[in-house]
Amino acid sequence: MSRVVHFEICADDPERLAGFYRDALGWEVATWEGPQAYWLVTTGPDGTPGINGGIMGRNLPQPVVNTVSVESLEETTRRIEELGGRRLDGPMEVEGVGQVSYFTDPEGTIFSCLQPAMPA
């Protein structure tokens, strides 16, 4: 069974929104040192219920995207497309994290699937 492991909030001004969530909800927000502007969000301590996420520029039409962890991105992509979903982007390699692709379900809701990187 695949589980939601990450969320992404799309924002017109991600830096401003990072401050909003930091101050309003007490989330820890840190700038990611990757190739694009992205803020990593920690919503609580490890070992407690909940997921962490990120804040990024608005490059998708919906405000929140959930990421699901999968064993095989290739196999999951095949199943999604067979069941009427559509791949929007990817697969993309996120260094140290894994491969990710973005999809829509048959009703147009955007979500992503992540095949985690294998430990070294």
Protein backbone atom coordinates (compact mmCIF):
# COMPACT_ATOMS: atom_id res chain seq x y z
CA MET A 1 0.00 0.00 0.00
CA SER A 2 1.35 3.44 -0.93
CA ARG A 3 1.22 6.22 1.69
CA VAL A 4 1.23 10.00 1.51
CA VAL A 5 4.71 11.02 2.66
CA HIS A 6 5.05 14.68 1.65
CA PHE A 7 2.97 17.73 0.71
CA GLU A 8 3.80 20.76 -1.42
CA ILE A 9 2.12 24.14 -1.08
CA CYS A 10 2.24 26.18 -4.30
CA ALA A 11 2.53 29.93 -3.74
CA ASP A 12 2.86 33.15 -5.73
CA ASP A 13 5.32 34.38 -3.06
CA PRO A 14 6.78 31.24 -1.43
CA GLU A 15 9.13 33.16 0.86
CA ARG A 16 6.24 35.19 2.29
CA LEU A 17 4.12 32.05 2.69
CA ALA A 18 7.01 30.27 4.44
CA GLY A 19 6.98 33.06 7.03
CA PHE A 20 3.21 32.82 7.36
CA TYR A 21 3.25 29.09 8.17
CA ARG A 22 6.27 29.49 10.44
CA ASP A 23 4.51 32.18 12.48
CA ALA A 24 0.90 30.93 12.25
CA LEU A 25 1.46 27.20 12.86
CA GLY A 26 4.93 27.03 14.37
CA TRP A 27 6.34 25.00 11.47
CA GLU A 28 10.10 24.91 10.97
CA VAL A 29 10.90 26.21 7.48
CA ALA A 30 14.35 26.04 5.89
CA THR A 31 15.60 27.01 2.45
CA TRP A 32 16.52 23.98 0.35
CA GLU A 33 20.00 24.09 -1.17
CA GLY A 34 18.85 22.51 -4.44
CA PRO A 35 18.69 23.85 -8.00
CA GLN A 36 15.32 25.64 -7.62
CA ALA A 37 13.73 27.87 -4.99
CA TYR A 38 12.12 25.52 -2.48
CA TRP A 39 11.47 25.68 1.26
CA LEU A 40 11.48 22.48 3.34
CA VAL A 41 8.77 22.32 6.00
CA THR A 42 8.92 20.30 9.22
CA THR A 43 5.49 20.16 10.87
CA GLY A 44 6.49 18.28 14.03
CA PRO A 45 9.03 16.00 15.66
CA ASP A 46 9.99 12.66 14.12
CA GLY A 47 8.02 9.77 15.57
CA THR A 48 4.76 11.72 15.88
CA PRO A 49 1.80 11.42 13.47
CA GLY A 50 1.91 13.73 10.48
CA ILE A 51 3.96 14.48 7.38
CA ASN A 52 6.45 17.14 6.39
CA GLY A 53 6.48 19.02 3.13
CA GLY A 54 7.62 21.96 1.11
CA ILE A 55 6.64 25.35 -0.24
CA MET A 56 7.42 26.20 -3.86
CA GLY A 57 6.55 28.66 -6.59
CA ARG A 58 3.15 28.30 -8.19
CA ASN A 59 3.93 26.12 -11.21
CA LEU A 60 0.80 23.98 -10.75
CA PRO A 61 -2.84 25.16 -10.87
CA GLN A 62 -3.92 23.71 -7.51
CA PRO A 63 -2.65 25.03 -4.18
CA VAL A 64 -1.55 21.75 -2.52
CA VAL A 65 0.02 18.61 -4.00
CA ASN A 66 0.39 15.39 -2.01
CA THR A 67 3.30 13.03 -2.69
CA VAL A 68 2.88 9.26 -2.36
CA SER A 69 5.83 6.92 -1.79
CA VAL A 70 5.93 3.98 -4.24
CA GLU A 71 8.23 0.98 -4.68
CA SER A 72 8.45 1.32 -8.48
CA LEU A 73 7.75 4.61 -10.24
CA GLU A 74 7.72 2.85 -13.61
CA GLU A 75 5.12 0.27 -12.52
CA THR A 76 3.01 2.88 -10.71
CA THR A 77 3.05 5.13 -13.79
CA ARG A 78 1.82 2.22 -15.92
CA ARG A 79 -1.06 1.50 -13.50
CA ILE A 80 -2.04 5.17 -13.21
CA GLU A 81 -2.20 5.55 -16.99
CA GLU A 82 -4.13 2.26 -17.42
CA LEU A 83 -6.71 3.51 -14.90
CA GLY A 84 -7.27 6.85 -16.66
CA GLY A 85 -4.69 9.04 -14.95
CA ARG A 86 -2.14 11.09 -16.86
CA ARG A 87 1.53 11.90 -16.28
CA LEU A 88 2.19 15.65 -16.31
CA ASP A 89 5.93 15.71 -15.66
CA GLY A 90 8.83 13.42 -14.87
CA PRO A 91 10.39 11.24 -13.94
CA MET A 92 12.87 13.66 -12.41
CA GLU A 93 15.81 12.75 -10.20
CA VAL A 94 15.92 14.66 -6.90
CA GLU A 95 19.45 14.19 -5.59
CA GLY A 96 19.54 12.21 -2.37
CA VAL A 97 15.74 11.81 -2.36
CA GLY A 98 14.74 9.70 -5.36
CA GLN A 99 12.73 9.92 -8.58
CA VAL A 100 9.45 11.82 -8.74
CA SER A 101 6.71 12.23 -11.35
CA TYR A 102 3.58 14.39 -11.28
CA PHE A 103 0.19 13.04 -12.38
CA THR A 104 -3.50 13.87 -12.57
CA ASP A 105 -6.17 11.42 -11.49
CA PRO A 106 -9.18 10.84 -13.81
CA GLU A 107 -10.92 13.92 -12.33
CA GLY A 108 -7.91 16.22 -12.74
CA THR A 109 -6.50 16.29 -9.19
CA ILE A 110 -2.71 16.63 -9.28
CA PHE A 111 -0.52 14.38 -7.14
CA SER A 112 3.03 13.10 -7.30
CA CYS A 113 4.69 9.74 -6.76
CA LEU A 114 8.16 9.31 -5.31
CA GLN A 115 10.37 6.26 -5.65
CA PRO A 116 12.83 6.84 -2.79
CA ALA A 117 16.55 6.62 -3.49
CA MET A 118 18.20 3.41 -2.36
CA PRO A 119 20.45 3.85 0.68
CA ALA A 120 24.15 3.88 -0.18
